[in-house]
Amino acid sequence: MTPKSYLSYLNAYKALYVKKYYTELDIQERNFKIGLEKIAEASIAIAKMEVSLKEEESRLKDASDKTDILIADIEKESKKAKTKNDQVEKTTSDCLHQASQIAKDKEEAMKDLQAAMPALSRAKVAVSSLNSKDIVELKANRNPAIIIKFILDTVCVFFQGKLLPIIVVQVEVNKKEGRVIPFL
């Protein structure tokens, strides 16, 4: 190897090295610049996202506060509704109890009415059998017989009329004397 060929070899190596090294360096530099641009874009996007995140957090906090207030109002209304529902259930229960008591009372009244109906029909027949002559006879009798007084006392007791105080008197019935307590 001669010095000239050595120098040309070194120049060729240098040219190849520069070409290869600078090409690679250019690619790496271009990639590095692209990477830096991407990082800068990402930083800007992150900054925008942080601003929008803060806005969203404030809106979320406001919405959360409103939701908490709404939940508290709903709980109050729910308690009021439960209280009202309890009152309605109690009233319903009382009404059902009263309805059953009324039904029992009605049933007893119907039994009493059915028992009294024959007496009523007999009384209607008896009243319809009265004529004006019988009424005139009663009006004419200012001092009725004791038996009539007893019958009228019984009628007063039956209809729960007001009775006079009890006084024991000596009376004669069917030609027999005895002591009785008149009710009229």
Protein backbone atom coordinates (compact mmCIF):
# COMPACT_ATOMS: atom_id res chain seq x y z
CA MET A 1 0.00 0.00 0.00
CA THR A 2 1.21 3.30 -1.02
CA PRO A 3 0.67 6.47 0.74
CA LYS A 4 -1.45 7.79 -2.08
CA SER A 5 -3.67 4.75 -2.10
CA TYR A 6 -3.72 4.94 1.67
CA LEU A 7 -4.84 8.54 1.47
CA SER A 8 -7.42 7.72 -1.18
CA TYR A 9 -8.53 4.82 0.96
CA LEU A 10 -8.87 7.22 3.91
CA ASN A 11 -10.75 9.74 1.73
CA ALA A 12 -13.07 6.99 0.47
CA TYR A 13 -13.58 5.83 4.02
CA LYS A 14 -14.15 9.39 5.13
CA ALA A 15 -16.65 9.97 2.30
CA LEU A 16 -18.44 6.71 3.05
CA TYR A 17 -18.38 7.44 6.78
CA VAL A 18 -19.65 10.97 6.29
CA LYS A 19 -22.30 9.81 3.83
CA LYS A 20 -23.44 6.96 6.02
CA TYR A 21 -23.01 8.79 9.32
CA TYR A 22 -24.57 12.05 8.17
CA THR A 23 -27.43 10.23 6.47
CA GLU A 24 -28.10 8.32 9.63
CA LEU A 25 -27.63 11.49 11.64
CA ASP A 26 -30.02 13.33 9.33
CA ILE A 27 -32.61 10.58 9.77
CA GLN A 28 -32.08 10.55 13.51
CA GLU A 29 -32.18 14.37 13.59
CA ARG A 30 -35.37 14.41 11.54
CA ASN A 31 -36.89 11.72 13.81
CA PHE A 32 -35.73 13.68 16.86
CA LYS A 33 -37.31 16.89 15.51
CA ILE A 34 -40.54 15.03 14.70
CA GLY A 35 -40.48 13.56 18.22
CA LEU A 36 -39.95 17.03 19.70
CA GLU A 37 -42.81 18.40 17.60
CA LYS A 38 -45.05 15.55 18.79
CA ILE A 39 -44.02 16.20 22.39
CA ALA A 40 -44.77 19.92 21.95
CA GLU A 41 -48.18 19.11 20.39
CA ALA A 42 -48.87 16.64 23.20
CA SER A 43 -47.88 19.27 25.79
CA ILE A 44 -50.26 21.79 24.21
CA ALA A 45 -53.03 19.18 24.03
CA ILE A 46 -52.34 18.21 27.66
CA ALA A 47 -52.51 21.87 28.71
CA LYS A 48 -55.86 22.25 26.87
CA MET A 49 -57.11 19.02 28.41
CA GLU A 50 -56.06 20.22 31.89
CA VAL A 51 -58.05 23.45 31.38
CA SER A 52 -61.08 21.53 30.11
CA LEU A 53 -60.62 19.00 32.94
CA LYS A 54 -60.70 21.82 35.50
CA GLU A 55 -63.86 23.19 33.86
CA GLU A 56 -65.42 19.72 33.86
CA GLU A 57 -64.41 19.22 37.50
CA SER A 58 -66.08 22.50 38.47
CA ARG A 59 -69.22 21.55 36.50
CA LEU A 60 -69.11 18.09 38.06
CA LYS A 61 -68.76 19.62 41.54
CA ASP A 62 -71.75 21.92 40.86
CA ALA A 63 -73.78 19.00 39.54
CA SER A 64 -72.74 16.91 42.56
CA ASP A 65 -73.82 19.70 44.94
CA LYS A 66 -77.15 20.04 43.13
CA THR A 67 -77.58 16.27 43.25
CA ASP A 68 -76.84 16.24 46.99
CA ILE A 69 -79.44 18.98 47.55
CA LEU A 70 -81.94 17.11 45.39
CA ILE A 71 -81.28 13.87 47.29
CA ALA A 72 -81.80 15.68 50.60
CA ASP A 73 -85.08 17.15 49.30
CA ILE A 74 -86.17 13.74 48.05
CA GLU A 75 -85.37 12.21 51.43
CA LYS A 76 -87.43 14.91 53.19
CA GLU A 77 -90.33 14.36 50.79
CA SER A 78 -89.97 10.61 51.20
CA LYS A 79 -90.20 10.99 55.00
CA LYS A 80 -93.27 13.21 54.60
CA ALA A 81 -94.82 10.70 52.21
CA LYS A 82 -94.07 7.84 54.61
CA THR A 83 -95.66 9.77 57.48
CA LYS A 84 -98.70 10.53 55.32
CA ASN A 85 -98.84 6.90 54.20
CA ASP A 86 -98.76 5.76 57.84
CA GLN A 87 -101.60 8.16 58.65
CA VAL A 88 -103.59 6.91 55.67
CA GLU A 89 -103.00 3.29 56.69
CA LYS A 90 -104.11 4.08 60.26
CA THR A 91 -107.20 5.91 58.98
CA THR A 92 -107.94 3.02 56.61
CA SER A 93 -107.55 0.56 59.45
CA ASP A 94 -109.84 2.64 61.67
CA CYS A 95 -112.40 2.92 58.85
CA LEU A 96 -112.30 -0.83 58.24
CA HIS A 97 -112.74 -1.44 61.96
CA GLN A 98 -115.67 1.00 62.06
CA ALA A 99 -117.15 -0.59 58.95
CA SER A 100 -116.98 -4.04 60.53
CA GLN A 101 -118.52 -2.66 63.74
CA ILE A 102 -121.27 -0.97 61.72
CA ALA A 103 -121.89 -4.22 59.85
CA LYS A 104 -122.20 -6.07 63.18
CA ASP A 105 -124.52 -3.38 64.55
CA LYS A 106 -126.56 -3.48 61.34
CA GLU A 107 -126.82 -7.27 61.57
CA GLU A 108 -127.99 -7.03 65.19
CA ALA A 109 -130.45 -4.26 64.27
CA MET A 110 -131.79 -6.39 61.40
CA LYS A 111 -132.27 -9.31 63.81
CA ASP A 112 -134.08 -7.00 66.24
CA LEU A 113 -136.15 -5.59 63.37
CA GLN A 114 -137.08 -9.08 62.19
CA ALA A 115 -138.06 -9.97 65.74
CA ALA A 116 -140.15 -6.79 66.04
CA MET A 117 -141.84 -7.07 62.63
CA PRO A 118 -144.52 -9.58 63.78
CA ALA A 119 -145.41 -7.30 66.71
CA LEU A 120 -145.56 -4.32 64.34
CA SER A 121 -147.85 -6.13 61.93
CA ARG A 122 -150.08 -7.22 64.84
CA ALA A 123 -150.12 -3.62 66.09
CA LYS A 124 -151.06 -2.37 62.61
CA VAL A 125 -153.89 -4.90 62.47
CA ALA A 126 -155.01 -3.83 65.95
CA VAL A 127 -154.89 -0.15 65.02
CA SER A 128 -156.77 -0.81 61.78
CA SER A 129 -159.44 -2.69 63.77
CA LEU A 130 -160.10 0.42 65.89
CA ASN A 131 -163.06 2.44 64.84
CA SER A 132 -164.38 5.83 65.87
CA LYS A 133 -166.72 4.23 68.43
CA ASP A 134 -163.73 2.77 70.33
CA ILE A 135 -161.95 6.15 70.33
CA VAL A 136 -165.09 7.92 71.61
CA GLU A 137 -165.36 5.31 74.36
CA LEU A 138 -161.76 5.96 75.44
CA LYS A 139 -162.30 9.71 75.47
CA ALA A 140 -165.44 9.32 77.57
CA ASN A 141 -163.64 7.23 80.15
CA ARG A 142 -162.04 9.96 82.32
CA ASN A 143 -161.15 7.53 85.09
CA PRO A 144 -160.22 4.30 83.27
CA ALA A 145 -160.30 0.89 84.85
CA ILE A 146 -157.15 -0.32 86.58
CA ILE A 147 -156.54 -3.00 83.95
CA ILE A 148 -156.47 -0.31 81.25
CA LYS A 149 -153.97 1.66 83.36
CA PHE A 150 -151.77 -1.44 83.61
CA ILE A 151 -151.95 -1.99 79.87
CA LEU A 152 -151.01 1.62 79.17
CA ASP A 153 -148.18 1.39 81.74
CA THR A 154 -146.88 -1.64 79.86
CA VAL A 155 -147.07 0.26 76.58
CA CYS A 156 -145.10 3.13 78.17
CA VAL A 157 -142.47 0.68 79.41
CA PHE A 158 -142.31 -0.97 75.98
CA PHE A 159 -141.80 2.39 74.21
CA GLN A 160 -139.53 3.63 77.01
CA GLY A 161 -141.87 6.48 77.85
CA LYS A 162 -141.59 8.66 80.93
CA LEU A 163 -143.24 7.09 83.97
CA LEU A 164 -144.55 8.74 87.12
CA PRO A 165 -142.97 7.98 90.48
CA ILE A 166 -144.02 4.68 92.06
CA ILE A 167 -146.89 4.94 94.52
CA VAL A 168 -148.48 1.90 96.16
CA VAL A 169 -152.29 2.11 96.13
CA GLN A 170 -155.13 -0.09 97.29
CA VAL A 171 -157.28 -1.21 94.33
CA GLU A 172 -160.07 -3.65 93.58
CA VAL A 173 -159.74 -5.89 90.50
CA ASN A 174 -162.38 -8.51 89.72
CA LYS A 175 -163.96 -7.84 93.11
CA LYS A 176 -160.73 -8.57 94.90
CA GLU A 177 -158.80 -5.98 96.79
CA GLY A 178 -155.04 -5.71 96.74
CA ARG A 179 -152.11 -3.38 96.74
CA VAL A 180 -150.62 -2.45 93.40
CA ILE A 181 -148.06 -0.07 92.00
CA PRO A 182 -149.64 1.94 89.20
CA PHE A 183 -147.32 3.18 86.47
CA LEU A 184 -149.44 6.12 85.26
